[in-house]
PDB file of N, CA and C in Angstrom:
ATOM      1  N   MET A   1       0.817  -1.192   0.000  1.00  0.00           N
ATOM      2  CA  MET A   1       0.000   0.000   0.000  1.00  0.00           C
ATOM      3  C   MET A   1       0.867   1.266   0.000  1.00  0.00           C
ATOM      4  N   ILE A   2       1.912   1.281   0.810  1.00  0.00           N
ATOM      5  CA  ILE A   2       2.781   2.456   0.880  1.00  0.00           C
ATOM      6  C   ILE A   2       3.473   2.674  -0.455  1.00  0.00           C
ATOM      7  N   THR A   3       3.927   1.592  -1.075  1.00  0.00           N
ATOM      8  CA  THR A   3       4.596   1.692  -2.374  1.00  0.00           C
ATOM      9  C   THR A   3       3.669   2.318  -3.404  1.00  0.00           C
ATOM     10  N   CYS A   4       2.413   1.932  -3.382  1.00  0.00           N
ATOM     11  CA  CYS A   4       1.433   2.489  -4.323  1.00  0.00           C
ATOM     12  C   CYS A   4       1.236   3.982  -4.089  1.00  0.00           C
ATOM     13  N   ARG A   5       1.182   4.389  -2.838  1.00  0.00           N
ATOM     14  CA  ARG A   5       1.002   5.809  -2.524  1.00  0.00           C
ATOM     15  C   ARG A   5       2.200   6.633  -2.976  1.00  0.00           C
ATOM     16  N   ILE A   6       3.400   6.087  -2.773  1.00  0.00           N
ATOM     17  CA  ILE A   6       4.611   6.785  -3.215  1.00  0.00           C
ATOM     18  C   ILE A   6       4.619   6.902  -4.732  1.00  0.00           C
ATOM     19  N   ALA A   7       4.296   5.813  -5.417  1.00  0.00           N
ATOM     20  CA  ALA A   7       4.279   5.814  -6.882  1.00  0.00           C
ATOM     21  C   ALA A   7       3.240   6.795  -7.418  1.00  0.00           C
ATOM     22  N   ALA A   8       2.069   6.818  -6.818  1.00  0.00           N
ATOM     23  CA  ALA A   8       1.019   7.736  -7.260  1.00  0.00           C
ATOM     24  C   ALA A   8       1.442   9.186  -7.043  1.00  0.00           C
ATOM     25  N   HIS A   9       2.080   9.452  -5.931  1.00  0.00           N
ATOM     26  CA  HIS A   9       2.547  10.812  -5.639  1.00  0.00           C
ATOM     27  C   HIS A   9       3.617  11.236  -6.646  1.00  0.00           C
ATOM     28  N   ALA A  10       4.554  10.338  -6.924  1.00  0.00           N
ATOM     29  CA  ALA A  10       5.605  10.631  -7.909  1.00  0.00           C
ATOM     30  C   ALA A  10       5.004  10.870  -9.288  1.00  0.00           C
ATOM     31  N   ALA A  11       3.997  10.097  -9.635  1.00  0.00           N
ATOM     32  CA  ALA A  11       3.336  10.270 -10.933  1.00  0.00           C
ATOM     33  C   ALA A  11       2.642  11.625 -11.009  1.00  0.00           C
ATOM     34  N   ASP A  12       1.989  12.034  -9.940  1.00  0.00           N
ATOM     35  CA  ASP A  12       1.335  13.346  -9.919  1.00  0.00           C
ATOM     36  C   ASP A  12       2.346  14.467 -10.127  1.00  0.00           C
ATOM     37  N   ILE A  13       3.499  14.348  -9.498  1.00  0.00           N
ATOM     38  CA  ILE A  13       4.547  15.358  -9.675  1.00  0.00           C
ATOM     39  C   ILE A  13       5.039  15.351 -11.113  1.00  0.00           C
ATOM     40  N   ALA A  14       5.287  14.156 -11.652  1.00  0.00           N
ATOM     41  CA  ALA A  14       5.785  14.030 -13.029  1.00  0.00           C
ATOM     42  C   ALA A  14       4.788  14.580 -14.038  1.00  0.00           C
ATOM     43  N   LYS A  15       3.500  14.414 -13.761  1.00  0.00           N
ATOM     44  CA  LYS A  15       2.461  14.912 -14.670  1.00  0.00           C
ATOM     45  C   LYS A  15       2.213  16.403 -14.493  1.00  0.00           C
ATOM     46  N   GLY A  16       2.784  16.980 -13.467  1.00  0.00           N
ATOM     47  CA  GLY A  16       2.602  18.408 -13.230  1.00  0.00           C
ATOM     48  C   GLY A  16       1.273  18.754 -12.592  1.00  0.00           C
ATOM     49  N   VAL A  17       0.710  17.830 -11.829  1.00  0.00           N
ATOM     50  CA  VAL A  17      -0.559  18.081 -11.152  1.00  0.00           C
ATOM     51  C   VAL A  17      -0.379  19.240 -10.172  1.00  0.00           C
ATOM     52  N   LYS A  18      -1.249  20.232 -10.316  1.00  0.00           N
ATOM     53  CA  LYS A  18      -1.150  21.423  -9.474  1.00  0.00           C
ATOM     54  C   LYS A  18      -1.268  21.049  -7.994  1.00  0.00           C
ATOM     55  N   GLY A  19      -0.343  21.541  -7.203  1.00  0.00           N
ATOM     56  CA  GLY A  19      -0.352  21.288  -5.769  1.00  0.00           C
ATOM     57  C   GLY A  19       0.289  19.976  -5.354  1.00  0.00           C
ATOM     58  N   ALA A  20       0.734  19.173  -6.322  1.00  0.00           N
ATOM     59  CA  ALA A  20       1.310  17.862  -5.993  1.00  0.00           C
ATOM     60  C   ALA A  20       2.584  17.986  -5.166  1.00  0.00           C
ATOM     61  N   MET A  21       3.323  19.055  -5.361  1.00  0.00           N
ATOM     62  CA  MET A  21       4.585  19.212  -4.625  1.00  0.00           C
ATOM     63  C   MET A  21       4.420  19.934  -3.288  1.00  0.00           C
ATOM     64  N   ASP A  22       3.210  20.359  -2.980  1.00  0.00           N
ATOM     65  CA  ASP A  22       2.982  21.072  -1.719  1.00  0.00           C
ATOM     66  C   ASP A  22       3.383  20.227  -0.512  1.00  0.00           C
ATOM     67  N   TRP A  23       3.022  18.936  -0.550  1.00  0.00           N
ATOM     68  CA  TRP A  23       3.376  18.029   0.541  1.00  0.00           C
ATOM     69  C   TRP A  23       4.893  17.955   0.693  1.00  0.00           C
ATOM     70  N   ASP A  24       5.600  17.817  -0.435  1.00  0.00           N
ATOM     71  CA  ASP A  24       7.063  17.709  -0.407  1.00  0.00           C
ATOM     72  C   ASP A  24       7.698  18.975   0.160  1.00  0.00           C
ATOM     73  N   LYS A  25       7.174  20.122  -0.244  1.00  0.00           N
ATOM     74  CA  LYS A  25       7.713  21.393   0.246  1.00  0.00           C
ATOM     75  C   LYS A  25       7.514  21.536   1.752  1.00  0.00           C
ATOM     76  N   GLU A  26       6.331  21.150   2.225  1.00  0.00           N
ATOM     77  CA  GLU A  26       6.061  21.244   3.662  1.00  0.00           C
ATOM     78  C   GLU A  26       6.928  20.258   4.445  1.00  0.00           C
ATOM     79  N   MET A  27       7.119  19.067   3.905  1.00  0.00           N
ATOM     80  CA  MET A  27       7.986  18.092   4.572  1.00  0.00           C
ATOM     81  C   MET A  27       9.419  18.628   4.625  1.00  0.00           C
ATOM     82  N   ALA A  28       9.878  19.260   3.560  1.00  0.00           N
ATOM     83  CA  ALA A  28      11.228  19.830   3.536  1.00  0.00           C
ATOM     84  C   ALA A  28      11.372  20.920   4.596  1.00  0.00           C
ATOM     85  N   ARG A  29      10.344  21.744   4.758  1.00  0.00           N
ATOM     86  CA  ARG A  29      10.382  22.790   5.790  1.00  0.00           C
ATOM     87  C   ARG A  29      10.516  22.171   7.186  1.00  0.00           C
ATOM     88  N   ARG A  30       9.747  21.113   7.400  1.00  0.00           N
ATOM     89  CA  ARG A  30       9.775  20.464   8.716  1.00  0.00           C
ATOM     90  C   ARG A  30      11.100  19.739   8.954  1.00  0.00           C
ATOM     91  N   ARG A  31      11.679  19.202   7.897  1.00  0.00           N
ATOM     92  CA  ARG A  31      12.999  18.568   8.040  1.00  0.00           C
ATOM     93  C   ARG A  31      14.043  19.608   8.411  1.00  0.00           C
ATOM     94  N   LYS A  32      14.003  20.743   7.719  1.00  0.00           N
ATOM     95  CA  LYS A  32      14.970  21.807   7.998  1.00  0.00           C
ATOM     96  C   LYS A  32      14.834  22.304   9.437  1.00  0.00           C
ATOM     97  N   ALA A  33      13.603  22.377   9.912  1.00  0.00           N
ATOM     98  CA  ALA A  33      13.340  22.845  11.275  1.00  0.00           C
ATOM     99  C   ALA A  33      13.576  21.753  12.321  1.00  0.00           C
ATOM    100  N   LEU A  34      13.958  20.560  11.869  1.00  0.00           N
ATOM    101  CA  LEU A  34      14.132  19.405  12.757  1.00  0.00           C
ATOM    102  C   LEU A  34      12.871  19.166  13.586  1.00  0.00           C
ATOM    103  N   ASP A  35      11.727  19.338  12.931  1.00  0.00           N
ATOM    104  CA  ASP A  35      10.409  19.181  13.554  1.00  0.00           C
ATOM    105  C   ASP A  35       9.964  17.726  13.402  1.00  0.00           C
ATOM    106  N   TRP A  36      10.375  16.886  14.340  1.00  0.00           N
ATOM    107  CA  TRP A  36      10.095  15.448  14.241  1.00  0.00           C
ATOM    108  C   TRP A  36       8.610  15.163  14.299  1.00  0.00           C
ATOM    109  N   LYS A  37       7.892  15.828  15.184  1.00  0.00           N
ATOM    110  CA  LYS A  37       6.446  15.604  15.299  1.00  0.00           C
ATOM    111  C   LYS A  37       5.756  15.962  13.984  1.00  0.00           C
ATOM    112  N   GLY A  38       6.129  17.087  13.408  1.00  0.00           N
ATOM    113  CA  GLY A  38       5.538  17.511  12.141  1.00  0.00           C
ATOM    114  C   GLY A  38       5.859  16.564  11.003  1.00  0.00           C
ATOM    115  N   GLN A  39       7.090  16.061  10.972  1.00  0.00           N
ATOM    116  CA  GLN A  39       7.470  15.105   9.934  1.00  0.00           C
ATOM    117  C   GLN A  39       6.664  13.822  10.060  1.00  0.00           C
ATOM    118  N   ILE A  40       6.487  13.368  11.278  1.00  0.00           N
ATOM    119  CA  ILE A  40       5.706  12.147  11.500  1.00  0.00           C
ATOM    120  C   ILE A  40       4.267  12.362  11.060  1.00  0.00           C
ATOM    121  N   GLU A  41       3.688  13.509  11.404  1.00  0.00           N
ATOM    122  CA  GLU A  41       2.309  13.811  11.013  1.00  0.00           C
ATOM    123  C   GLU A  41       2.145  13.821   9.495  1.00  0.00           C
ATOM    124  N   LEU A  42       3.143  14.331   8.780  1.00  0.00           N
ATOM    125  CA  LEU A  42       3.065  14.417   7.322  1.00  0.00           C
ATOM    126  C   LEU A  42       3.472  13.134   6.609  1.00  0.00           C
ATOM    127  N   SER A  43       4.059  12.205   7.318  1.00  0.00           N
ATOM    128  CA  SER A  43       4.577  11.004   6.664  1.00  0.00           C
ATOM    129  C   SER A  43       3.457  10.184   6.030  1.00  0.00           C
ATOM    130  N   ILE A  44       3.839   9.350   5.091  1.00  0.00           N
ATOM    131  CA  ILE A  44       2.868   8.509   4.391  1.00  0.00           C
ATOM    132  C   ILE A  44       2.222   7.520   5.353  1.00  0.00           C
ATOM    133  N   ASN A  45       2.968   7.063   6.340  1.00  0.00           N
ATOM    134  CA  ASN A  45       2.443   6.137   7.339  1.00  0.00           C
ATOM    135  C   ASN A  45       2.846   6.646   8.729  1.00  0.00           C
ATOM    136  N   PRO A  46       2.076   7.584   9.280  1.00  0.00           N
ATOM    137  CA  PRO A  46       2.443   8.197  10.560  1.00  0.00           C
ATOM    138  C   PRO A  46       2.626   7.202  11.710  1.00  0.00           C
ATOM    139  N   ASP A  47       1.787   6.175  11.773  1.00  0.00           N
ATOM    140  CA  ASP A  47       1.917   5.200  12.863  1.00  0.00           C
ATOM    141  C   ASP A  47       3.261   4.489  12.809  1.00  0.00           C
ATOM    142  N   ARG A  48       3.656   4.066  11.619  1.00  0.00           N
ATOM    143  CA  ARG A  48       4.940   3.371  11.460  1.00  0.00           C
ATOM    144  C   ARG A  48       6.103   4.328  11.744  1.00  0.00           C
ATOM    145  N   ALA A  49       6.007   5.550  11.231  1.00  0.00           N
ATOM    146  CA  ALA A  49       7.069   6.536  11.450  1.00  0.00           C
ATOM    147  C   ALA A  49       7.241   6.813  12.943  1.00  0.00           C
ATOM    148  N   ARG A  50       6.133   6.952  13.647  1.00  0.00           N
ATOM    149  CA  ARG A  50       6.180   7.216  15.088  1.00  0.00           C
ATOM    150  C   ARG A  50       6.833   6.048  15.831  1.00  0.00           C
ATOM    151  N   LYS A  51       6.434   4.829  15.486  1.00  0.00           N
ATOM    152  CA  LYS A  51       7.002   3.640  16.140  1.00  0.00           C
ATOM    153  C   LYS A  51       8.502   3.524  15.871  1.00  0.00           C
ATOM    154  N   LEU A  52       8.918   3.799  14.644  1.00  0.00           N
ATOM    155  CA  LEU A  52      10.342   3.731  14.313  1.00  0.00           C
ATOM    156  C   LEU A  52      11.138   4.770  15.092  1.00  0.00           C
ATOM    157  N   ARG A  53      10.619   5.978  15.163  1.00  0.00           N
ATOM    158  CA  ARG A  53      11.307   7.052  15.903  1.00  0.00           C
ATOM    159  C   ARG A  53      11.416   6.692  17.387  1.00  0.00           C
ATOM    160  N   GLU A  54      10.321   6.191  17.950  1.00  0.00           N
ATOM    161  CA  GLU A  54      10.311   5.855  19.374  1.00  0.00           C
ATOM    162  C   GLU A  54      11.188   4.648  19.699  1.00  0.00           C
ATOM    163  N   SER A  55      11.324   3.730  18.749  1.00  0.00           N
ATOM    164  CA  SER A  55      12.085   2.504  19.016  1.00  0.00           C
ATOM    165  C   SER A  55      13.598   2.713  18.949  1.00  0.00           C
ATOM    166  N   SER A  56      14.020   3.807  18.360  1.00  0.00           N
ATOM    167  CA  SER A  56      15.467   4.036  18.239  1.00  0.00           C
ATOM    168  C   SER A  56      15.803   5.509  18.429  1.00  0.00           C
ATOM    169  N   MET A  57      15.399   6.025  19.570  1.00  0.00           N
ATOM    170  CA  MET A  57      15.645   7.436  19.854  1.00  0.00           C
ATOM    171  C   MET A  57      17.149   7.709  19.910  1.00  0.00           C
ATOM    172  N   PRO A  58      17.597   8.744  19.195  1.00  0.00           N
ATOM    173  CA  PRO A  58      19.019   9.108  19.244  1.00  0.00           C
ATOM    174  C   PRO A  58      19.359   9.746  20.588  1.00  0.00           C
ATOM    175  N   THR A  59      20.643   9.843  20.870  1.00  0.00           N
ATOM    176  CA  THR A  59      21.068  10.442  22.139  1.00  0.00           C
ATOM    177  C   THR A  59      20.763  11.932  22.193  1.00  0.00           C
ATOM    178  N   GLU A  60      20.784  12.593  21.039  1.00  0.00           N
ATOM    179  CA  GLU A  60      20.417  14.008  20.952  1.00  0.00           C
ATOM    180  C   GLU A  60      19.022  14.083  20.349  1.00  0.00           C
ATOM    181  N   SER A  61      18.117  14.829  20.957  1.00  0.00           N
ATOM    182  CA  SER A  61      16.730  14.851  20.497  1.00  0.00           C
ATOM    183  C   SER A  61      16.527  15.623  19.197  1.00  0.00           C
ATOM    184  N   ASP A  62      17.506  16.433  18.810  1.00  0.00           N
ATOM    185  CA  ASP A  62      17.324  17.250  17.611  1.00  0.00           C
ATOM    186  C   ASP A  62      17.990  16.659  16.366  1.00  0.00           C
ATOM    187  N   VAL A  63      18.327  15.375  16.408  1.00  0.00           N
ATOM    188  CA  VAL A  63      18.901  14.709  15.238  1.00  0.00           C
ATOM    189  C   VAL A  63      18.187  13.383  15.008  1.00  0.00           C
ATOM    190  N   CYS A  64      18.436  12.795  13.851  1.00  0.00           N
ATOM    191  CA  CYS A  64      17.841  11.491  13.563  1.00  0.00           C
ATOM    192  C   CYS A  64      18.842  10.381  13.859  1.00  0.00           C
ATOM    193  N   THR A  65      18.366   9.159  13.819  1.00  0.00           N
ATOM    194  CA  THR A  65      19.241   8.026  14.108  1.00  0.00           C
ATOM    195  C   THR A  65      20.182   7.730  12.954  1.00  0.00           C
ATOM    196  N   MET A  66      19.873   8.210  11.774  1.00  0.00           N
ATOM    197  CA  MET A  66      20.717   7.927  10.620  1.00  0.00           C
ATOM    198  C   MET A  66      21.979   8.797  10.631  1.00  0.00           C
ATOM    199  N   CYS A  67      21.833  10.081  10.835  1.00  0.00           N
ATOM    200  CA  CYS A  67      22.982  10.996  10.780  1.00  0.00           C
ATOM    201  C   CYS A  67      23.600  11.258  12.145  1.00  0.00           C
ATOM    202  N   GLY A  68      22.781  11.274  13.175  1.00  0.00           N
ATOM    203  CA  GLY A  68      23.275  11.576  14.520  1.00  0.00           C
ATOM    204  C   GLY A  68      23.965  12.923  14.567  1.00  0.00           C
ATOM    205  N   GLU A  69      25.154  12.947  15.119  1.00  0.00           N
ATOM    206  CA  GLU A  69      25.886  14.207  15.270  1.00  0.00           C
ATOM    207  C   GLU A  69      26.300  14.813  13.934  1.00  0.00           C
ATOM    208  N   PHE A  70      26.198  14.048  12.855  1.00  0.00           N
ATOM    209  CA  PHE A  70      26.589  14.537  11.530  1.00  0.00           C
ATOM    210  C   PHE A  70      25.392  15.046  10.727  1.00  0.00           C
ATOM    211  N   CYS A  71      24.332  15.412  11.389  1.00  0.00           N
ATOM    212  CA  CYS A  71      23.100  15.879  10.754  1.00  0.00           C
ATOM    213  C   CYS A  71      23.382  17.097   9.864  1.00  0.00           C
ATOM    214  N   SER A  72      23.080  16.958   8.594  1.00  0.00           N
ATOM    215  CA  SER A  72      23.358  18.049   7.658  1.00  0.00           C
ATOM    216  C   SER A  72      22.489  19.271   7.938  1.00  0.00           C
ATOM    217  N   MET A  73      21.235  19.058   8.292  1.00  0.00           N
ATOM    218  CA  MET A  73      20.338  20.184   8.568  1.00  0.00           C
ATOM    219  C   MET A  73      20.823  20.971   9.784  1.00  0.00           C
ATOM    220  N   LYS A  74      21.216  20.263  10.806  1.00  0.00           N
ATOM    221  CA  LYS A  74      21.704  20.916  12.024  1.00  0.00           C
ATOM    222  C   LYS A  74      23.015  21.653  11.738  1.00  0.00           C
ATOM    223  N   GLY A  75      23.900  21.035  10.977  1.00  0.00           N
ATOM    224  CA  GLY A  75      25.183  21.648  10.642  1.00  0.00           C
ATOM    225  C   GLY A  75      25.040  22.905   9.807  1.00  0.00           C
ATOM    226  N   VAL A  76      24.185  22.852   8.798  1.00  0.00           N
ATOM    227  CA  VAL A  76      23.969  24.013   7.930  1.00  0.00           C
ATOM    228  C   VAL A  76      23.331  25.148   8.727  1.00  0.00           C
ATOM    229  N   SER A  77      22.356  24.817   9.558  1.00  0.00           N
ATOM    230  CA  SER A  77      21.710  25.855  10.373  1.00  0.00           C
ATOM    231  C   SER A  77      22.714  26.540  11.292  1.00  0.00           C
ATOM    232  N   ALA A  78      23.567  25.754  11.924  1.00  0.00           N
ATOM    233  CA  ALA A  78      24.583  26.327  12.818  1.00  0.00           C
ATOM    234  C   ALA A  78      25.558  27.201  12.038  1.00  0.00           C
ATOM    235  N   TYR A  79      25.946  26.757  10.864  1.00  0.00           N
ATOM    236  CA  TYR A  79      26.876  27.516  10.024  1.00  0.00           C
ATOM    237  C   TYR A  79      26.257  28.848   9.600  1.00  0.00           C
ATOM    238  N   LEU A  80      25.010  28.811   9.152  1.00  0.00           N
ATOM    239  CA  LEU A  80      24.356  30.033   8.678  1.00  0.00           C
ATOM    240  C   LEU A  80      24.111  31.028   9.811  1.00  0.00           C
ATOM    241  N   LYS A  81      23.895  30.540  11.020  1.00  0.00           N
ATOM    242  CA  LYS A  81      23.704  31.439  12.164  1.00  0.00           C
ATOM    243  C   LYS A  81      24.973  32.213  12.482  1.00  0.00           C
ATOM    244  N   LYS A  82      26.130  31.600  12.216  1.00  0.00           N
ATOM    245  CA  LYS A  82      27.414  32.253  12.479  1.00  0.00           C
ATOM    246  C   LYS A  82      27.705  33.360  11.481  1.00  0.00           C
ATOM    247  N   LYS A  83      27.141  33.271  10.294  1.00  0.00           N
ATOM    248  CA  LYS A  83      27.428  34.257   9.241  1.00  0.00           C
ATOM    249  C   LYS A  83      26.676  35.533   9.452  1.00  0.00           C
TER     250      LYS A  83
END
């Protein structure tokens, strides 16, 4: 089911369906803001996303388990604040 939803969304973007990229833009904003709750709410499967996040909480609450201390969003934000 999730694969079908992803494929349908990609097809809408490829076809140029008006508003199809709105979800992607909002998800990107929430990723940049390190807004985990917002990302989970917007995810294709919020229940699964929530369970995954809760099952492997990183040591720092403002990063993900994949990047950890090497989080690109956190690094870029810190760099831009210094400028």
